[in-house]
PDB file of N, CA and C in Angstrom:
ATOM      1  N   UNK A   1       0.842  -1.166   0.000  1.00  0.00           N
ATOM      2  CA  UNK A   1       0.000   0.000   0.000  1.00  0.00           C
ATOM      3  C   UNK A   1       0.894   1.237   0.000  1.00  0.00           C
ATOM      4  N   UNK A   2       0.653   2.197  -0.869  1.00  0.00           N
ATOM      5  CA  UNK A   2       1.497   3.381  -0.952  1.00  0.00           C
ATOM      6  C   UNK A   2       1.392   4.243   0.301  1.00  0.00           C
ATOM      7  N   UNK A   3       2.509   4.962   0.620  1.00  0.00           N
ATOM      8  CA  UNK A   3       2.460   5.841   1.792  1.00  0.00           C
ATOM      9  C   UNK A   3       1.374   6.893   1.620  1.00  0.00           C
ATOM     10  N   UNK A   4       0.728   7.221   2.727  1.00  0.00           N
ATOM     11  CA  UNK A   4      -0.290   8.258   2.701  1.00  0.00           C
ATOM     12  C   UNK A   4      -1.669   7.728   2.350  1.00  0.00           C
ATOM     13  N   UNK A   5      -1.768   6.515   1.823  1.00  0.00           N
ATOM     14  CA  UNK A   5      -3.088   5.987   1.511  1.00  0.00           C
ATOM     15  C   UNK A   5      -3.683   5.380   2.778  1.00  0.00           C
ATOM     16  N   UNK A   6      -4.981   5.398   2.838  1.00  0.00           N
ATOM     17  CA  UNK A   6      -5.625   4.843   4.040  1.00  0.00           C
ATOM     18  C   UNK A   6      -6.108   3.438   3.744  1.00  0.00           C
ATOM     19  N   UNK A   7      -6.002   2.618   4.762  1.00  0.00           N
ATOM     20  CA  UNK A   7      -6.431   1.230   4.651  1.00  0.00           C
ATOM     21  C   UNK A   7      -7.784   1.112   5.324  1.00  0.00           C
ATOM     22  N   UNK A   8      -8.733   0.517   4.644  1.00  0.00           N
ATOM     23  CA  UNK A   8     -10.052   0.378   5.258  1.00  0.00           C
ATOM     24  C   UNK A   8     -10.000  -0.745   6.282  1.00  0.00           C
ATOM     25  N   UNK A   9     -10.689  -0.527   7.369  1.00  0.00           N
ATOM     26  CA  UNK A   9     -10.744  -1.510   8.440  1.00  0.00           C
ATOM     27  C   UNK A   9     -11.901  -2.458   8.140  1.00  0.00           C
ATOM     28  N   UNK A  10     -11.633  -3.743   8.239  1.00  0.00           N
ATOM     29  CA  UNK A  10     -12.663  -4.746   7.995  1.00  0.00           C
ATOM     30  C   UNK A  10     -12.942  -5.492   9.293  1.00  0.00           C
ATOM     31  N   UNK A  11     -14.053  -6.226   9.341  1.00  0.00           N
ATOM     32  CA  UNK A  11     -14.326  -7.001  10.556  1.00  0.00           C
ATOM     33  C   UNK A  11     -13.198  -7.980  10.899  1.00  0.00           C
ATOM     34  N   UNK A  12     -12.467  -8.449   9.905  1.00  0.00           N
ATOM     35  CA  UNK A  12     -11.384  -9.393  10.173  1.00  0.00           C
ATOM     36  C   UNK A  12     -10.222  -8.740  10.908  1.00  0.00           C
ATOM     37  N   UNK A  13     -10.156  -7.414  10.923  1.00  0.00           N
ATOM     38  CA  UNK A  13      -9.132  -6.699  11.681  1.00  0.00           C
ATOM     39  C   UNK A  13      -9.470  -6.653  13.174  1.00  0.00           C
ATOM     40  N   UNK A  14     -10.707  -6.959  13.496  1.00  0.00           N
ATOM     41  CA  UNK A  14     -11.204  -6.899  14.870  1.00  0.00           C
ATOM     42  C   UNK A  14     -10.927  -8.225  15.570  1.00  0.00           C
ATOM     43  N   UNK A  15     -10.163  -8.182  16.674  1.00  0.00           N
ATOM     44  CA  UNK A  15      -9.823  -9.388  17.439  1.00  0.00           C
ATOM     45  C   UNK A  15     -11.059 -10.099  17.984  1.00  0.00           C
ATOM     46  N   UNK A  16     -12.163  -9.373  18.131  1.00  0.00           N
ATOM     47  CA  UNK A  16     -13.376  -9.943  18.704  1.00  0.00           C
ATOM     48  C   UNK A  16     -14.386 -10.391  17.653  1.00  0.00           C
ATOM     49  N   UNK A  17     -14.057 -10.207  16.376  1.00  0.00           N
ATOM     50  CA  UNK A  17     -14.979 -10.611  15.313  1.00  0.00           C
ATOM     51  C   UNK A  17     -15.018 -12.139  15.213  1.00  0.00           C
ATOM     52  N   UNK A  18     -16.211 -12.737  15.275  1.00  0.00           N
ATOM     53  CA  UNK A  18     -16.315 -14.204  15.247  1.00  0.00           C
ATOM     54  C   UNK A  18     -16.139 -14.756  13.830  1.00  0.00           C
ATOM     55  N   UNK A  19     -14.904 -14.885  13.404  1.00  0.00           N
ATOM     56  CA  UNK A  19     -14.599 -15.234  12.023  1.00  0.00           C
ATOM     57  C   UNK A  19     -14.425 -16.720  11.770  1.00  0.00           C
ATOM     58  N   UNK A  20     -14.241 -17.519  12.818  1.00  0.00           N
ATOM     59  CA  UNK A  20     -13.844 -18.911  12.622  1.00  0.00           C
ATOM     60  C   UNK A  20     -14.928 -19.891  13.070  1.00  0.00           C
ATOM     61  N   UNK A  21     -15.203 -20.856  12.209  1.00  0.00           N
ATOM     62  CA  UNK A  21     -16.141 -21.920  12.567  1.00  0.00           C
ATOM     63  C   UNK A  21     -15.486 -22.827  13.600  1.00  0.00           C
ATOM     64  N   UNK A  22     -16.293 -23.639  14.225  1.00  0.00           N
ATOM     65  CA  UNK A  22     -15.750 -24.557  15.221  1.00  0.00           C
ATOM     66  C   UNK A  22     -14.725 -25.496  14.594  1.00  0.00           C
ATOM     67  N   UNK A  23     -15.031 -26.032  13.439  1.00  0.00           N
ATOM     68  CA  UNK A  23     -14.101 -26.950  12.789  1.00  0.00           C
ATOM     69  C   UNK A  23     -12.782 -26.286  12.450  1.00  0.00           C
ATOM     70  N   UNK A  24     -12.837 -25.071  11.914  1.00  0.00           N
ATOM     71  CA  UNK A  24     -11.607 -24.343  11.570  1.00  0.00           C
ATOM     72  C   UNK A  24     -10.842 -23.976  12.832  1.00  0.00           C
ATOM     73  N   UNK A  25     -11.547 -23.538  13.869  1.00  0.00           N
ATOM     74  CA  UNK A  25     -10.893 -23.176  15.131  1.00  0.00           C
ATOM     75  C   UNK A  25     -10.188 -24.384  15.727  1.00  0.00           C
ATOM     76  N   UNK A  26     -10.858 -25.525  15.744  1.00  0.00           N
ATOM     77  CA  UNK A  26     -10.254 -26.744  16.289  1.00  0.00           C
ATOM     78  C   UNK A  26      -9.025 -27.131  15.472  1.00  0.00           C
ATOM     79  N   UNK A  27      -9.133 -27.022  14.164  1.00  0.00           N
ATOM     80  CA  UNK A  27      -7.994 -27.341  13.293  1.00  0.00           C
ATOM     81  C   UNK A  27      -6.811 -26.417  13.561  1.00  0.00           C
ATOM     82  N   UNK A  28      -7.071 -25.145  13.698  1.00  0.00           N
ATOM     83  CA  UNK A  28      -6.007 -24.172  13.946  1.00  0.00           C
ATOM     84  C   UNK A  28      -5.304 -24.445  15.274  1.00  0.00           C
ATOM     85  N   UNK A  29      -6.064 -24.902  16.272  1.00  0.00           N
ATOM     86  CA  UNK A  29      -5.510 -25.160  17.601  1.00  0.00           C
ATOM     87  C   UNK A  29      -4.945 -26.563  17.736  1.00  0.00           C
ATOM     88  N   UNK A  30      -5.204 -27.408  16.746  1.00  0.00           N
ATOM     89  CA  UNK A  30      -4.749 -28.790  16.840  1.00  0.00           C
ATOM     90  C   UNK A  30      -5.490 -29.564  17.902  1.00  0.00           C
ATOM     91  N   UNK A  31      -6.773 -29.278  18.031  1.00  0.00           N
ATOM     92  CA  UNK A  31      -7.589 -29.933  19.045  1.00  0.00           C
ATOM     93  C   UNK A  31      -8.873 -30.429  18.399  1.00  0.00           C
ATOM     94  N   UNK A  32      -9.845 -30.762  19.207  1.00  0.00           N
ATOM     95  CA  UNK A  32     -11.111 -31.277  18.686  1.00  0.00           C
ATOM     96  C   UNK A  32     -12.241 -30.290  18.967  1.00  0.00           C
ATOM     97  N   UNK A  33     -13.316 -30.378  18.199  1.00  0.00           N
ATOM     98  CA  UNK A  33     -14.487 -29.556  18.518  1.00  0.00           C
ATOM     99  C   UNK A  33     -15.000 -29.823  19.934  1.00  0.00           C
ATOM    100  N   UNK A  34     -14.884 -31.055  20.407  1.00  0.00           N
ATOM    101  CA  UNK A  34     -15.339 -31.377  21.772  1.00  0.00           C
ATOM    102  C   UNK A  34     -14.574 -30.555  22.810  1.00  0.00           C
ATOM    103  N   UNK A  35     -13.282 -30.341  22.576  1.00  0.00           N
ATOM    104  CA  UNK A  35     -12.482 -29.530  23.500  1.00  0.00           C
ATOM    105  C   UNK A  35     -13.047 -28.106  23.551  1.00  0.00           C
ATOM    106  N   UNK A  36     -13.359 -27.547  22.390  1.00  0.00           N
ATOM    107  CA  UNK A  36     -13.911 -26.189  22.344  1.00  0.00           C
ATOM    108  C   UNK A  36     -15.291 -26.136  23.005  1.00  0.00           C
ATOM    109  N   UNK A  37     -16.108 -27.158  22.793  1.00  0.00           N
ATOM    110  CA  UNK A  37     -17.419 -27.198  23.448  1.00  0.00           C
ATOM    111  C   UNK A  37     -17.251 -27.233  24.969  1.00  0.00           C
ATOM    112  N   UNK A  38     -16.274 -28.001  25.447  1.00  0.00           N
ATOM    113  CA  UNK A  38     -16.030 -28.086  26.889  1.00  0.00           C
ATOM    114  C   UNK A  38     -15.613 -26.731  27.441  1.00  0.00           C
ATOM    115  N   UNK A  39     -14.769 -26.004  26.721  1.00  0.00           N
ATOM    116  CA  UNK A  39     -14.372 -24.666  27.178  1.00  0.00           C
ATOM    117  C   UNK A  39     -15.585 -23.752  27.279  1.00  0.00           C
ATOM    118  N   UNK A  40     -16.524 -23.921  26.362  1.00  0.00           N
ATOM    119  CA  UNK A  40     -17.764 -23.153  26.426  1.00  0.00           C
ATOM    120  C   UNK A  40     -18.617 -23.563  27.616  1.00  0.00           C
ATOM    121  N   UNK A  41     -18.727 -24.863  27.861  1.00  0.00           N
ATOM    122  CA  UNK A  41     -19.510 -25.352  29.004  1.00  0.00           C
ATOM    123  C   UNK A  41     -18.915 -24.869  30.322  1.00  0.00           C
ATOM    124  N   UNK A  42     -17.585 -24.755  30.375  1.00  0.00           N
ATOM    125  CA  UNK A  42     -16.913 -24.276  31.581  1.00  0.00           C
ATOM    126  C   UNK A  42     -16.854 -22.751  31.647  1.00  0.00           C
ATOM    127  N   UNK A  43     -17.439 -22.109  30.659  1.00  0.00           N
ATOM    128  CA  UNK A  43     -17.572 -20.643  30.573  1.00  0.00           C
ATOM    129  C   UNK A  43     -16.244 -19.908  30.464  1.00  0.00           C
ATOM    130  N   UNK A  44     -15.245 -20.582  29.896  1.00  0.00           N
ATOM    131  CA  UNK A  44     -13.988 -19.882  29.639  1.00  0.00           C
ATOM    132  C   UNK A  44     -14.150 -18.996  28.411  1.00  0.00           C
ATOM    133  N   UNK A  45     -14.786 -19.520  27.400  1.00  0.00           N
ATOM    134  CA  UNK A  45     -15.095 -18.740  26.203  1.00  0.00           C
ATOM    135  C   UNK A  45     -16.560 -18.967  25.849  1.00  0.00           C
ATOM    136  N   UNK A  46     -17.178 -17.952  25.288  1.00  0.00           N
ATOM    137  CA  UNK A  46     -18.565 -18.063  24.852  1.00  0.00           C
ATOM    138  C   UNK A  46     -18.623 -17.679  23.386  1.00  0.00           C
ATOM    139  N   UNK A  47     -18.638 -18.674  22.505  1.00  0.00           N
ATOM    140  CA  UNK A  47     -18.669 -18.349  21.082  1.00  0.00           C
ATOM    141  C   UNK A  47     -19.991 -17.695  20.704  1.00  0.00           C
ATOM    142  N   UNK A  48     -19.924 -16.835  19.715  1.00  0.00           N
ATOM    143  CA  UNK A  48     -21.161 -16.275  19.174  1.00  0.00           C
ATOM    144  C   UNK A  48     -21.775 -17.323  18.261  1.00  0.00           C
ATOM    145  N   UNK A  49     -22.996 -17.122  17.903  1.00  0.00           N
ATOM    146  CA  UNK A  49     -23.686 -18.063  17.019  1.00  0.00           C
ATOM    147  C   UNK A  49     -24.019 -17.381  15.694  1.00  0.00           C
ATOM    148  N   UNK A  50     -23.832 -18.138  14.617  1.00  0.00           N
ATOM    149  CA  UNK A  50     -24.209 -17.638  13.296  1.00  0.00           C
ATOM    150  C   UNK A  50     -25.738 -17.651  13.202  1.00  0.00           C
ATOM    151  N   UNK A  51     -26.268 -17.093  12.123  1.00  0.00           N
ATOM    152  CA  UNK A  51     -27.721 -17.105  11.948  1.00  0.00           C
ATOM    153  C   UNK A  51     -28.253 -18.528  11.915  1.00  0.00           C
ATOM    154  N   UNK A  52     -27.428 -19.458  11.462  1.00  0.00           N
ATOM    155  CA  UNK A  52     -27.820 -20.859  11.423  1.00  0.00           C
ATOM    156  C   UNK A  52     -27.615 -21.581  12.748  1.00  0.00           C
ATOM    157  N   UNK A  53     -27.125 -20.874  13.768  1.00  0.00           N
ATOM    158  CA  UNK A  53     -26.948 -21.462  15.088  1.00  0.00           C
ATOM    159  C   UNK A  53     -25.594 -22.115  15.319  1.00  0.00           C
ATOM    160  N   UNK A  54     -24.687 -21.977  14.367  1.00  0.00           N
ATOM    161  CA  UNK A  54     -23.361 -22.599  14.506  1.00  0.00           C
ATOM    162  C   UNK A  54     -22.433 -21.700  15.310  1.00  0.00           C
ATOM    163  N   UNK A  55     -21.552 -22.339  16.085  1.00  0.00           N
ATOM    164  CA  UNK A  55     -20.592 -21.589  16.905  1.00  0.00           C
ATOM    165  C   UNK A  55     -19.560 -20.911  16.006  1.00  0.00           C
ATOM    166  N   UNK A  56     -19.221 -19.665  16.388  1.00  0.00           N
ATOM    167  CA  UNK A  56     -18.199 -18.909  15.676  1.00  0.00           C
ATOM    168  C   UNK A  56     -17.248 -18.314  16.716  1.00  0.00           C
ATOM    169  N   UNK A  57     -15.942 -18.395  16.437  1.00  0.00           N
ATOM    170  CA  UNK A  57     -14.915 -17.985  17.386  1.00  0.00           C
ATOM    171  C   UNK A  57     -14.098 -16.812  16.843  1.00  0.00           C
ATOM    172  N   UNK A  58     -13.676 -15.958  17.738  1.00  0.00           N
ATOM    173  CA  UNK A  58     -12.818 -14.815  17.384  1.00  0.00           C
ATOM    174  C   UNK A  58     -11.352 -15.193  17.613  1.00  0.00           C
ATOM    175  N   UNK A  59     -10.465 -14.349  17.109  1.00  0.00           N
ATOM    176  CA  UNK A  59      -9.033 -14.574  17.356  1.00  0.00           C
ATOM    177  C   UNK A  59      -8.730 -14.501  18.846  1.00  0.00           C
ATOM    178  N   UNK A  60      -9.359 -13.578  19.542  1.00  0.00           N
ATOM    179  CA  UNK A  60      -9.159 -13.461  20.986  1.00  0.00           C
ATOM    180  C   UNK A  60      -9.551 -14.768  21.681  1.00  0.00           C
ATOM    181  N   UNK A  61     -10.698 -15.330  21.324  1.00  0.00           N
ATOM    182  CA  UNK A  61     -11.137 -16.581  21.923  1.00  0.00           C
ATOM    183  C   UNK A  61     -10.190 -17.725  21.579  1.00  0.00           C
ATOM    184  N   UNK A  62      -9.642 -17.700  20.371  1.00  0.00           N
ATOM    185  CA  UNK A  62      -8.690 -18.744  19.987  1.00  0.00           C
ATOM    186  C   UNK A  62      -7.408 -18.651  20.807  1.00  0.00           C
ATOM    187  N   UNK A  63      -6.979 -17.442  21.131  1.00  0.00           N
ATOM    188  CA  UNK A  63      -5.792 -17.295  21.984  1.00  0.00           C
ATOM    189  C   UNK A  63      -6.059 -17.891  23.371  1.00  0.00           C
ATOM    190  N   UNK A  64      -7.235 -17.623  23.908  1.00  0.00           N
ATOM    191  CA  UNK A  64      -7.593 -18.172  25.214  1.00  0.00           C
ATOM    192  C   UNK A  64      -7.663 -19.698  25.140  1.00  0.00           C
ATOM    193  N   UNK A  65      -8.306 -20.216  24.116  1.00  0.00           N
ATOM    194  CA  UNK A  65      -8.411 -21.667  23.949  1.00  0.00           C
ATOM    195  C   UNK A  65      -7.032 -22.290  23.761  1.00  0.00           C
ATOM    196  N   UNK A  66      -6.152 -21.600  23.057  1.00  0.00           N
ATOM    197  CA  UNK A  66      -4.786 -22.093  22.875  1.00  0.00           C
ATOM    198  C   UNK A  66      -4.044 -22.169  24.190  1.00  0.00           C
ATOM    199  N   UNK A  67      -4.243 -21.178  25.036  1.00  0.00           N
ATOM    200  CA  UNK A  67      -3.614 -21.194  26.368  1.00  0.00           C
ATOM    201  C   UNK A  67      -4.156 -22.365  27.187  1.00  0.00           C
ATOM    202  N   UNK A  68      -5.452 -22.608  27.097  1.00  0.00           N
ATOM    203  CA  UNK A  68      -6.055 -23.736  27.809  1.00  0.00           C
ATOM    204  C   UNK A  68      -5.465 -25.044  27.307  1.00  0.00           C
ATOM    205  N   UNK A  69      -5.301 -25.142  26.013  1.00  0.00           N
ATOM    206  CA  UNK A  69      -4.730 -26.375  25.456  1.00  0.00           C
ATOM    207  C   UNK A  69      -3.303 -26.585  25.958  1.00  0.00           C
ATOM    208  N   UNK A  70      -2.509 -25.517  26.031  1.00  0.00           N
ATOM    209  CA  UNK A  70      -1.138 -25.635  26.556  1.00  0.00           C
ATOM    210  C   UNK A  70      -1.155 -26.222  27.964  1.00  0.00           C
ATOM    211  N   UNK A  71      -2.025 -25.681  28.814  1.00  0.00           N
ATOM    212  CA  UNK A  71      -2.089 -26.153  30.197  1.00  0.00           C
ATOM    213  C   UNK A  71      -2.547 -27.604  30.269  1.00  0.00           C
ATOM    214  N   UNK A  72      -3.547 -27.953  29.472  1.00  0.00           N
ATOM    215  CA  UNK A  72      -4.048 -29.324  29.471  1.00  0.00           C
ATOM    216  C   UNK A  72      -2.968 -30.276  28.955  1.00  0.00           C
ATOM    217  N   UNK A  73      -2.262 -29.849  27.920  1.00  0.00           N
ATOM    218  CA  UNK A  73      -1.175 -30.681  27.383  1.00  0.00           C
ATOM    219  C   UNK A  73      -0.073 -30.911  28.415  1.00  0.00           C
ATOM    220  N   UNK A  74       0.067 -29.982  29.367  1.00  0.00           N
ATOM    221  CA  UNK A  74       1.075 -30.115  30.420  1.00  0.00           C
ATOM    222  C   UNK A  74       0.561 -30.952  31.595  1.00  0.00           C
ATOM    223  N   UNK A  75      -0.673 -31.453  31.489  1.00  0.00           N
ATOM    224  CA  UNK A  75      -1.218 -32.320  32.521  1.00  0.00           C
ATOM    225  C   UNK A  75      -2.188 -31.654  33.483  1.00  0.00           C
ATOM    226  N   UNK A  76      -2.517 -30.397  33.247  1.00  0.00           N
ATOM    227  CA  UNK A  76      -3.466 -29.698  34.111  1.00  0.00           C
ATOM    228  C   UNK A  76      -4.886 -30.131  33.741  1.00  0.00           C
ATOM    229  N   UNK A  77      -5.704 -30.506  34.720  1.00  0.00           N
ATOM    230  CA  UNK A  77      -7.106 -30.824  34.404  1.00  0.00           C
ATOM    231  C   UNK A  77      -7.782 -29.619  33.754  1.00  0.00           C
ATOM    232  N   UNK A  78      -8.692 -29.872  32.843  1.00  0.00           N
ATOM    233  CA  UNK A  78      -9.283 -28.780  32.063  1.00  0.00           C
ATOM    234  C   UNK A  78     -10.000 -27.764  32.952  1.00  0.00           C
ATOM    235  N   UNK A  79     -10.669 -28.229  34.003  1.00  0.00           N
ATOM    236  CA  UNK A  79     -11.357 -27.291  34.903  1.00  0.00           C
ATOM    237  C   UNK A  79     -10.352 -26.366  35.575  1.00  0.00           C
ATOM    238  N   UNK A  80      -9.232 -26.934  36.009  1.00  0.00           N
ATOM    239  CA  UNK A  80      -8.185 -26.127  36.645  1.00  0.00           C
ATOM    240  C   UNK A  80      -7.543 -25.179  35.639  1.00  0.00           C
ATOM    241  N   UNK A  81      -7.358 -25.644  34.414  1.00  0.00           N
ATOM    242  CA  UNK A  81      -6.779 -24.787  33.378  1.00  0.00           C
ATOM    243  C   UNK A  81      -7.661 -23.568  33.141  1.00  0.00           C
ATOM    244  N   UNK A  82      -8.957 -23.781  33.098  1.00  0.00           N
ATOM    245  CA  UNK A  82      -9.888 -22.662  32.898  1.00  0.00           C
ATOM    246  C   UNK A  82      -9.786 -21.679  34.057  1.00  0.00           C
ATOM    247  N   UNK A  83      -9.724 -22.192  35.271  1.00  0.00           N
ATOM    248  CA  UNK A  83      -9.618 -21.316  36.451  1.00  0.00           C
ATOM    249  C   UNK A  83      -8.309 -20.530  36.431  1.00  0.00           C
ATOM    250  N   UNK A  84      -7.228 -21.183  36.064  1.00  0.00           N
ATOM    251  CA  UNK A  84      -5.928 -20.510  35.979  1.00  0.00           C
ATOM    252  C   UNK A  84      -5.996 -19.362  34.982  1.00  0.00           C
ATOM    253  N   UNK A  85      -6.588 -19.602  33.830  1.00  0.00           N
ATOM    254  CA  UNK A  85      -6.664 -18.571  32.797  1.00  0.00           C
ATOM    255  C   UNK A  85      -7.526 -17.406  33.261  1.00  0.00           C
ATOM    256  N   UNK A  86      -8.627 -17.697  33.929  1.00  0.00           N
ATOM    257  CA  UNK A  86      -9.485 -16.630  34.459  1.00  0.00           C
ATOM    258  C   UNK A  86      -8.714 -15.801  35.482  1.00  0.00           C
ATOM    259  N   UNK A  87      -7.971 -16.475  36.366  1.00  0.00           N
ATOM    260  CA  UNK A  87      -7.189 -15.751  37.376  1.00  0.00           C
ATOM    261  C   UNK A  87      -6.062 -14.938  36.730  1.00  0.00           C
ATOM    262  N   UNK A  88      -5.420 -15.485  35.706  1.00  0.00           N
ATOM    263  CA  UNK A  88      -4.382 -14.734  34.994  1.00  0.00           C
ATOM    264  C   UNK A  88      -4.971 -13.467  34.380  1.00  0.00           C
ATOM    265  N   UNK A  89      -6.159 -13.593  33.804  1.00  0.00           N
ATOM    266  CA  UNK A  89      -6.819 -12.447  33.183  1.00  0.00           C
ATOM    267  C   UNK A  89      -7.176 -11.398  34.228  1.00  0.00           C
ATOM    268  N   UNK A  90      -7.678 -11.850  35.382  1.00  0.00           N
ATOM    269  CA  UNK A  90      -8.019 -10.915  36.457  1.00  0.00           C
ATOM    270  C   UNK A  90      -6.773 -10.206  36.982  1.00  0.00           C
ATOM    271  N   UNK A  91      -5.677 -10.939  37.114  1.00  0.00           N
ATOM    272  CA  UNK A  91      -4.428 -10.336  37.570  1.00  0.00           C
ATOM    273  C   UNK A  91      -3.937  -9.290  36.574  1.00  0.00           C
ATOM    274  N   UNK A  92      -3.977  -9.628  35.303  1.00  0.00           N
ATOM    275  CA  UNK A  92      -3.545  -8.679  34.274  1.00  0.00           C
ATOM    276  C   UNK A  92      -4.383  -7.402  34.310  1.00  0.00           C
ATOM    277  N   UNK A  93      -5.684  -7.549  34.487  1.00  0.00           N
ATOM    278  CA  UNK A  93      -6.574  -6.384  34.566  1.00  0.00           C
ATOM    279  C   UNK A  93      -6.255  -5.553  35.811  1.00  0.00           C
ATOM    280  N   UNK A  94      -6.039  -6.197  36.943  1.00  0.00           N
ATOM    281  CA  UNK A  94      -5.705  -5.475  38.177  1.00  0.00           C
ATOM    282  C   UNK A  94      -4.383  -4.725  38.025  1.00  0.00           C
ATOM    283  N   UNK A  95      -3.401  -5.350  37.386  1.00  0.00           N
ATOM    284  CA  UNK A  95      -2.112  -4.677  37.166  1.00  0.00           C
ATOM    285  C   UNK A  95      -2.271  -3.477  36.244  1.00  0.00           C
ATOM    286  N   UNK A  96      -3.116  -3.613  35.231  1.00  0.00           N
ATOM    287  CA  UNK A  96      -3.362  -2.492  34.310  1.00  0.00           C
ATOM    288  C   UNK A  96      -4.020  -1.329  35.059  1.00  0.00           C
ATOM    289  N   UNK A  97      -4.994  -1.630  35.886  1.00  0.00           N
ATOM    290  CA  UNK A  97      -5.679  -0.586  36.666  1.00  0.00           C
ATOM    291  C   UNK A  97      -4.706   0.068  37.636  1.00  0.00           C
ATOM    292  N   UNK A  98      -3.880  -0.731  38.315  1.00  0.00           N
ATOM    293  CA  UNK A  98      -2.885  -0.173  39.245  1.00  0.00           C
ATOM    294  C   UNK A  98      -1.930   0.763  38.524  1.00  0.00           C
ATOM    295  N   UNK A  99      -1.492   0.382  37.344  1.00  0.00           N
ATOM    296  CA  UNK A  99      -0.572   1.238  36.575  1.00  0.00           C
ATOM    297  C   UNK A  99      -1.254   2.547  36.188  1.00  0.00           C
ATOM    298  N   UNK A 100      -2.521   2.486  35.813  1.00  0.00           N
ATOM    299  CA  UNK A 100      -3.258   3.707  35.489  1.00  0.00           C
ATOM    300  C   UNK A 100      -3.353   4.619  36.705  1.00  0.00           C
ATOM    301  N   UNK A 101      -3.634   4.040  37.856  1.00  0.00           N
ATOM    302  CA  UNK A 101      -3.732   4.833  39.082  1.00  0.00           C
ATOM    303  C   UNK A 101      -2.382   5.445  39.455  1.00  0.00           C
ATOM    304  N   UNK A 102      -1.312   4.682  39.292  1.00  0.00           N
ATOM    305  CA  UNK A 102       0.026   5.221  39.557  1.00  0.00           C
ATOM    306  C   UNK A 102       0.339   6.386  38.621  1.00  0.00           C
ATOM    307  N   UNK A 103      -0.028   6.248  37.365  1.00  0.00           N
ATOM    308  CA  UNK A 103       0.213   7.316  36.388  1.00  0.00           C
ATOM    309  C   UNK A 103      -0.577   8.561  36.765  1.00  0.00           C
ATOM    310  N   UNK A 104      -1.810   8.384  37.226  1.00  0.00           N
ATOM    311  CA  UNK A 104      -2.610   9.527  37.660  1.00  0.00           C
ATOM    312  C   UNK A 104      -1.969  10.206  38.869  1.00  0.00           C
ATOM    313  N   UNK A 105      -1.460   9.406  39.816  1.00  0.00           N
ATOM    314  CA  UNK A 105      -0.796   9.965  40.995  1.00  0.00           C
ATOM    315  C   UNK A 105       0.444  10.765  40.603  1.00  0.00           C
ATOM    316  N   UNK A 106       1.198  10.265  39.630  1.00  0.00           N
ATOM    317  CA  UNK A 106       2.405  10.964  39.194  1.00  0.00           C
ATOM    318  C   UNK A 106       2.067  12.291  38.509  1.00  0.00           C
ATOM    319  N   UNK A 107       0.905  12.362  37.864  1.00  0.00           N
ATOM    320  CA  UNK A 107       0.517  13.571  37.156  1.00  0.00           C
ATOM    321  C   UNK A 107      -0.039  14.639  38.084  1.00  0.00           C
ATOM    322  N   UNK A 108      -0.541  14.257  39.253  1.00  0.00           N
ATOM    323  CA  UNK A 108      -1.128  15.216  40.179  1.00  0.00           C
ATOM    324  C   UNK A 108      -0.032  15.900  40.986  1.00  0.00           C
ATOM    325  N   UNK A 109      -0.110  17.223  41.091  1.00  0.00           N
ATOM    326  CA  UNK A 109       0.880  17.933  41.896  1.00  0.00           C
ATOM    327  C   UNK A 109       0.697  17.611  43.373  1.00  0.00           C
ATOM    328  N   UNK A 110       1.786  17.523  44.076  1.00  0.00           N
ATOM    329  CA  UNK A 110       1.728  17.245  45.514  1.00  0.00           C
ATOM    330  C   UNK A 110       1.488  18.560  46.239  1.00  0.00           C
ATOM    331  N   UNK A 111       0.752  18.471  47.322  1.00  0.00           N
ATOM    332  CA  UNK A 111       0.490  19.661  48.143  1.00  0.00           C
ATOM    333  C   UNK A 111       1.230  19.497  49.457  1.00  0.00           C
ATOM    334  N   UNK A 112       1.831  20.584  49.896  1.00  0.00           N
ATOM    335  CA  UNK A 112       2.527  20.514  51.179  1.00  0.00           C
ATOM    336  C   UNK A 112       1.698  21.245  52.220  1.00  0.00           C
ATOM    337  N   UNK A 113       1.740  20.745  53.416  1.00  0.00           N
ATOM    338  CA  UNK A 113       0.972  21.377  54.496  1.00  0.00           C
ATOM    339  C   UNK A 113       1.864  21.980  55.524  1.00  0.00           C
TER     340      UNK A 113
END
């Protein structure tokens, strides 16, 4: 694309766009559709549904499912793997919020009494 030209954004550029069918998602992860269904039953990921009722997965969901597969492949029970991933996500969010608060504190002038 030449410099200065603008690139149109498509739904496929969106990490949350449900672009992948269950079969394609399972193939990409090297797992089975049953594994993805189990992740849904355990509420780690919630695929969107197509108009025909078929599960559709986003790139973000595939990253989460891939992390779950890594843990399961290492011998972690799937229920525990899901809990670990949820806790990792909560920790990451808490760290992000803490950093934002620290940045706000640094920007505020100190008052002396």
